[in-house]
């Protein structure tokens, strides 16, 4: 049994922080940030909780799908920056929605939404679910070092969701991979207060080796798209929309050039949102859907990649 996407939704914080805003407390400028990243601004939480953004995105997806919370059989949330370590962010979403189905999180960094789609597909295949809510929610502003101009300028906050229904054509192809490497992009865990712990306790802020992430991003996009097309028995040029993780414009443009695809087929939200980790792919997808740019029968390739180093890729035929 396969799945179809019944509805999508997304939510962003109200506050937009521009590159010029960052220059007020960082040694940086729009002239430095934009040419290197493609980012002009990012949305940052002020009074909003991630719970609230997650539920707003979920309600929008449920409304679009014509599904009520009590009809859900499962809620999966992709997050690395939830409002709670315990319980799962998905449990908070279920409570606020008034749902009573099983709910749990997955953690696969920026590839998390596609990993969650694959988990949901397994539930459909086993006949364990008819309707699944998949949410990607990230508050990256709580993980970055706001004194590190190389990383804090890249990230933003937000949430996006999709309601899946059993049956349909999808996925035409799906791929999950991990090239294990912790130090390239990581956030140390909570140190705690144990009087017996004699290990080093680094701050829980993000550290990244930018050049290695860049090479990985370009390579994994190209490999993933090629493999998705091969598995589905279609040509790369037959794919109508490419929704890639919004990490950096240089990664996107380099991958487009290497693949030789039409740049107009590649959706972008990076300039106004920055990198929202696993929420990037579903948020960009929701924007495409709500703009009426995806029509039934079109092929849509989703590729998320990030810390792990994880890659999730999925090819859909829109229904």
Protein backbone atom coordinates (compact mmCIF):
# COMPACT_ATOMS: atom_id res chain seq x y z
CA UNK A 1 0.00 0.00 0.00
CA UNK A 2 1.30 3.47 -0.92
CA UNK A 3 0.28 6.98 0.09
CA UNK A 4 -0.93 10.26 -1.32
CA UNK A 5 -0.53 13.77 0.08
CA UNK A 6 -3.99 15.06 1.02
CA UNK A 7 -2.98 18.51 2.25
CA UNK A 8 -0.04 20.68 3.30
CA UNK A 9 0.47 23.62 5.65
CA UNK A 10 3.20 25.80 7.11
CA UNK A 11 3.78 28.47 9.75
CA UNK A 12 6.52 31.02 10.37
CA UNK A 13 7.25 33.37 13.28
CA UNK A 14 6.09 36.98 12.87
CA UNK A 15 9.54 38.52 13.31
CA UNK A 16 11.67 38.85 10.17
CA UNK A 17 15.34 39.50 10.95
CA UNK A 18 17.21 41.03 8.04
CA UNK A 19 20.92 40.93 7.34
CA UNK A 20 21.07 44.60 8.30
CA UNK A 21 19.45 43.74 11.65
CA UNK A 22 22.22 41.22 12.29
CA UNK A 23 24.88 43.80 11.48
CA UNK A 24 23.75 45.77 14.54
CA UNK A 25 25.47 43.25 16.85
CA UNK A 26 27.64 41.16 14.50
CA UNK A 27 30.65 42.11 12.40
CA UNK A 28 28.77 41.40 9.19
CA UNK A 29 26.63 43.03 6.51
CA UNK A 30 24.13 42.26 3.79
CA UNK A 31 26.97 42.68 1.31
CA UNK A 32 28.85 39.86 3.07
CA UNK A 33 25.92 37.50 3.80
CA UNK A 34 23.77 37.58 0.67
CA UNK A 35 26.42 36.82 -1.99
CA UNK A 36 27.72 33.89 0.10
CA UNK A 37 24.38 32.38 1.12
CA UNK A 38 21.48 33.76 -0.91
CA UNK A 39 19.76 34.78 2.35
CA UNK A 40 18.28 38.26 2.80
CA UNK A 41 16.29 37.58 5.99
CA UNK A 42 15.11 34.80 8.27
CA UNK A 43 12.11 34.34 10.60
CA UNK A 44 13.01 34.15 14.29
CA UNK A 45 10.75 33.26 17.22
CA UNK A 46 10.12 36.00 19.76
CA UNK A 47 6.91 35.19 21.61
CA UNK A 48 6.00 32.06 19.63
CA UNK A 49 6.72 28.58 20.92
CA UNK A 50 7.58 25.73 18.57
CA UNK A 51 4.47 23.96 19.85
CA UNK A 52 2.37 26.85 18.57
CA UNK A 53 4.04 26.97 15.15
CA UNK A 54 3.73 23.19 14.80
CA UNK A 55 0.02 23.24 15.56
CA UNK A 56 -0.61 26.19 13.23
CA UNK A 57 1.09 24.34 10.36
CA UNK A 58 -0.74 21.13 11.25
CA UNK A 59 -4.14 22.79 11.33
CA UNK A 60 -3.51 24.35 7.93
CA UNK A 61 -2.58 20.93 6.51
CA UNK A 62 -5.60 19.24 8.12
CA UNK A 63 -7.95 21.91 6.76
CA UNK A 64 -6.48 21.53 3.26
CA UNK A 65 -6.88 17.76 3.52
CA UNK A 66 -10.42 17.87 4.87
CA UNK A 67 -9.31 15.72 7.81
CA UNK A 68 -10.11 16.29 11.49
CA UNK A 69 -7.64 15.51 14.32
CA UNK A 70 -9.79 12.65 15.60
CA UNK A 71 -9.44 10.94 12.20
CA UNK A 72 -5.63 10.73 12.49
CA UNK A 73 -4.06 7.33 13.10
CA UNK A 74 -0.52 8.58 13.67
CA UNK A 75 1.49 11.80 14.16
CA UNK A 76 5.19 11.89 13.33
CA UNK A 77 7.26 15.01 13.99
CA UNK A 78 10.72 15.62 12.59
CA UNK A 79 12.69 17.93 14.88
CA UNK A 80 16.10 18.43 16.42
CA UNK A 81 15.12 21.55 18.36
CA UNK A 82 11.79 20.80 20.01
CA UNK A 83 10.32 22.64 22.97
CA UNK A 84 10.61 19.36 24.89
CA UNK A 85 13.26 16.67 25.27
CA UNK A 86 10.54 14.65 26.98
CA UNK A 87 7.85 14.09 25.82
CA UNK A 88 8.20 14.11 22.04
CA UNK A 89 7.23 17.28 20.21
CA UNK A 90 4.63 15.13 18.43
CA UNK A 91 2.91 14.47 21.77
CA UNK A 92 2.52 18.22 22.37
CA UNK A 93 1.10 18.58 18.85
CA UNK A 94 -1.39 15.77 19.51
CA UNK A 95 -2.50 17.32 22.78
CA UNK A 96 -3.01 20.79 21.32
CA UNK A 97 -4.86 19.39 18.30
CA UNK A 98 -7.04 17.17 20.45
CA UNK A 99 -5.85 14.01 18.71
CA UNK A 100 -5.62 10.66 20.49
CA UNK A 101 -3.44 8.61 18.13
CA UNK A 102 0.16 7.41 18.67
CA UNK A 103 2.67 10.25 18.33
CA UNK A 104 6.46 10.26 18.24
CA UNK A 105 9.45 12.18 16.90
CA UNK A 106 12.18 11.30 14.41
CA UNK A 107 15.59 12.95 14.40
CA UNK A 108 17.45 13.01 11.10
CA UNK A 109 18.40 16.70 11.02
CA UNK A 110 17.62 18.44 7.72
CA UNK A 111 16.63 15.16 6.05
CA UNK A 112 14.06 14.44 8.75
CA UNK A 113 10.87 15.17 6.80
CA UNK A 114 11.69 12.56 4.16
CA UNK A 115 12.76 10.06 6.83
CA UNK A 116 9.36 10.65 8.44
CA UNK A 117 7.61 10.08 5.10
CA UNK A 118 9.37 6.73 4.85
CA UNK A 119 8.27 5.77 8.37
CA UNK A 120 4.68 6.71 7.49
CA UNK A 121 4.91 4.65 4.29
CA UNK A 122 5.81 1.64 6.43
CA UNK A 123 2.66 2.10 8.53
CA UNK A 124 0.56 2.27 5.36
CA UNK A 125 2.27 -0.82 3.93
CA UNK A 126 1.44 -2.82 7.07
CA UNK A 127 -2.16 -1.62 7.13
CA UNK A 128 -1.57 0.12 10.46
CA UNK A 129 -2.80 3.58 9.39
CA UNK A 130 -5.19 5.31 7.00
CA UNK A 131 -4.31 8.95 7.75
CA UNK A 132 -0.97 10.22 9.07
CA UNK A 133 0.12 13.75 10.00
CA UNK A 134 3.81 14.39 9.30
CA UNK A 135 5.21 17.59 10.80
CA UNK A 136 8.66 19.16 10.55
CA UNK A 137 9.27 21.80 13.22
CA UNK A 138 12.51 23.57 14.02
CA UNK A 139 13.56 26.43 16.29
CA UNK A 140 17.14 26.73 15.13
CA UNK A 141 17.53 30.09 16.86
CA UNK A 142 17.91 28.17 20.15
CA UNK A 143 20.78 26.05 18.79
CA UNK A 144 23.07 28.52 17.03
CA UNK A 145 25.88 30.53 18.59
CA UNK A 146 24.73 34.12 18.08
CA UNK A 147 28.34 35.33 18.32
CA UNK A 148 29.46 33.14 15.41
CA UNK A 149 28.79 35.12 12.23
CA UNK A 150 29.65 32.13 10.03
CA UNK A 151 26.71 30.05 11.25
CA UNK A 152 24.04 32.12 13.00
CA UNK A 153 23.28 34.09 9.82
CA UNK A 154 22.21 30.88 8.05
CA UNK A 155 19.32 29.66 10.18
CA UNK A 156 15.71 30.46 10.96
CA UNK A 157 12.63 29.04 12.69
CA UNK A 158 9.41 27.56 11.34
CA UNK A 159 7.19 24.53 10.87
CA UNK A 160 5.47 22.74 8.00
CA UNK A 161 3.20 19.71 7.76
CA UNK A 162 1.57 17.26 5.39
CA UNK A 163 -1.42 14.98 5.86
CA UNK A 164 -0.96 11.62 4.14
CA UNK A 165 -3.68 9.19 3.16
CA UNK A 166 -3.38 5.48 2.42
CA UNK A 167 -3.45 4.39 -1.21
CA UNK A 168 -2.33 6.19 -4.33
CA UNK A 169 0.78 6.05 -6.44
CA UNK A 170 3.49 7.29 -4.12
CA UNK A 171 6.31 7.06 -3.50
CA UNK A 172 7.59 6.26 -6.99
CA UNK A 173 11.05 6.07 -5.46
CA UNK A 174 12.47 6.58 -1.98
CA UNK A 175 16.02 6.59 -0.65
CA UNK A 176 17.49 7.09 2.83
CA UNK A 177 21.27 7.13 3.32
CA UNK A 178 23.75 7.95 6.07
CA UNK A 179 27.43 8.69 5.58
CA UNK A 180 28.38 8.62 9.27
CA UNK A 181 30.26 11.71 10.37
CA UNK A 182 29.38 13.43 13.64
CA UNK A 183 31.86 16.28 13.76
CA UNK A 184 31.08 17.90 10.39
CA UNK A 185 27.79 19.35 11.69
CA UNK A 186 26.71 18.78 15.25
CA UNK A 187 25.15 20.18 18.42
CA UNK A 188 26.43 18.68 21.71
CA UNK A 189 23.78 17.30 24.05
CA UNK A 190 22.62 18.81 27.31
CA UNK A 191 25.38 18.70 29.90
CA UNK A 192 23.15 18.15 32.91
CA UNK A 193 24.15 18.64 36.55
CA UNK A 194 25.40 15.20 37.59
CA UNK A 195 28.08 15.56 40.30
CA UNK A 196 29.62 12.32 39.00
CA UNK A 197 30.06 13.38 35.38
CA UNK A 198 33.75 14.04 34.73
CA UNK A 199 33.47 14.47 30.95
CA UNK A 200 33.89 17.76 29.12
CA UNK A 201 30.62 19.69 28.79
CA UNK A 202 30.71 21.85 25.66
CA UNK A 203 27.91 24.33 25.09
CA UNK A 204 24.87 23.00 23.24
CA UNK A 205 25.36 25.21 20.19
CA UNK A 206 25.80 24.30 16.55
CA UNK A 207 29.24 23.81 15.01
CA UNK A 208 29.74 23.21 11.31
CA UNK A 209 32.55 22.61 8.84
CA UNK A 210 31.12 24.71 6.02
CA UNK A 211 33.29 23.54 3.13
CA UNK A 212 32.65 19.86 3.82
CA UNK A 213 28.91 20.48 4.15
CA UNK A 214 28.98 22.31 0.82
CA UNK A 215 30.68 19.43 -1.00
CA UNK A 216 28.36 16.90 0.60
CA UNK A 217 25.26 18.92 -0.26
CA UNK A 218 26.07 19.30 -3.95
CA UNK A 219 27.15 15.68 -4.31
CA UNK A 220 24.18 14.17 -2.47
CA UNK A 221 21.60 16.25 -4.37
CA UNK A 222 23.03 15.12 -7.70
CA UNK A 223 23.36 11.48 -6.70
CA UNK A 224 19.89 11.38 -5.15
CA UNK A 225 18.10 12.92 -8.13
CA UNK A 226 19.87 10.59 -10.55
CA UNK A 227 19.01 7.52 -8.44
CA UNK A 228 15.37 8.55 -7.96
CA UNK A 229 14.92 8.92 -11.72
CA UNK A 230 16.62 5.57 -12.38
CA UNK A 231 14.53 3.73 -9.79
CA UNK A 232 11.28 5.22 -11.10
CA UNK A 233 12.20 4.63 -14.74
CA UNK A 234 11.98 8.28 -15.77
CA UNK A 235 14.48 10.78 -17.13
CA UNK A 236 15.78 13.54 -14.86
CA UNK A 237 14.55 16.12 -17.35
CA UNK A 238 11.02 14.66 -17.03
CA UNK A 239 10.82 15.75 -13.38
CA UNK A 240 8.66 18.88 -13.13
CA UNK A 241 9.62 20.24 -9.70
CA UNK A 242 12.72 19.92 -7.53
CA UNK A 243 12.32 20.71 -3.84
CA UNK A 244 15.76 20.64 -2.26
CA UNK A 245 16.82 21.44 1.29
CA UNK A 246 17.39 25.19 1.54
CA UNK A 247 20.89 25.22 3.01
CA UNK A 248 22.74 27.69 0.83
CA UNK A 249 22.14 29.21 -2.61
CA UNK A 250 25.62 28.21 -3.73
CA UNK A 251 24.78 24.56 -3.03
CA UNK A 252 21.54 24.84 -4.99
CA UNK A 253 23.05 26.61 -7.99
CA UNK A 254 26.05 24.25 -8.12
CA UNK A 255 23.77 21.18 -8.03
CA UNK A 256 21.52 22.64 -10.73
CA UNK A 257 24.52 23.26 -12.97
CA UNK A 258 25.95 19.78 -12.41
CA UNK A 259 22.61 18.08 -13.07
CA UNK A 260 21.95 20.25 -16.11
CA UNK A 261 18.33 20.84 -15.11
CA UNK A 262 16.15 23.88 -15.77
CA UNK A 263 16.71 26.27 -12.86
CA UNK A 264 13.07 27.39 -13.10
CA UNK A 265 12.03 23.93 -11.88
CA UNK A 266 13.89 24.40 -8.57
CA UNK A 267 11.78 25.96 -5.82
CA UNK A 268 13.42 28.38 -3.41
CA UNK A 269 12.37 29.84 -0.06
CA UNK A 270 15.88 30.46 1.25
CA UNK A 271 16.06 34.22 0.70
CA UNK A 272 13.24 35.00 3.14
CA UNK A 273 13.44 32.10 5.60
CA UNK A 274 17.03 30.95 5.84
CA UNK A 275 17.79 27.33 6.68
CA UNK A 276 14.97 25.88 8.85
CA UNK A 277 16.53 22.42 8.95
CA UNK A 278 13.94 19.67 8.35
CA UNK A 279 11.12 22.20 7.84
CA UNK A 280 12.69 23.55 4.64
CA UNK A 281 11.44 20.87 2.25
CA UNK A 282 7.80 20.70 3.43
CA UNK A 283 7.59 24.50 3.71
CA UNK A 284 8.82 24.95 0.13
CA UNK A 285 6.40 22.20 -0.97
CA UNK A 286 3.49 23.93 0.77
CA UNK A 287 4.33 27.19 -0.98
CA UNK A 288 4.31 25.44 -4.35
CA UNK A 289 0.97 23.82 -3.62
CA UNK A 290 -0.70 27.01 -2.37
CA UNK A 291 0.60 28.98 -5.33
CA UNK A 292 -1.07 26.45 -7.64
CA UNK A 293 2.22 25.59 -9.30
CA UNK A 294 1.88 21.81 -8.95
CA UNK A 295 -0.75 20.11 -11.08
CA UNK A 296 -1.95 16.49 -11.01
CA UNK A 297 0.35 14.09 -12.82
CA UNK A 298 3.48 16.18 -12.37
CA UNK A 299 6.64 14.64 -10.91
CA UNK A 300 8.08 16.20 -7.75
CA UNK A 301 11.52 15.32 -6.36
CA UNK A 302 12.22 16.02 -2.67
CA UNK A 303 15.79 15.91 -1.33
CA UNK A 304 16.79 16.73 2.25
CA UNK A 305 20.34 16.48 3.55
CA UNK A 306 22.27 17.46 6.64
CA UNK A 307 23.92 16.37 9.86
CA UNK A 308 24.58 12.69 10.18
CA UNK A 309 25.46 12.95 7.36
CA UNK A 310 21.91 11.98 6.40
CA UNK A 311 20.14 12.22 3.05
CA UNK A 312 16.47 11.55 2.39
CA UNK A 313 15.11 11.59 -1.17
CA UNK A 314 11.65 10.90 -2.54
CA UNK A 315 10.01 11.08 -5.95
CA UNK A 316 6.26 11.72 -6.04
CA UNK A 317 3.68 11.86 -8.79
CA UNK A 318 1.24 14.54 -7.69
CA UNK A 319 -2.35 13.34 -7.30
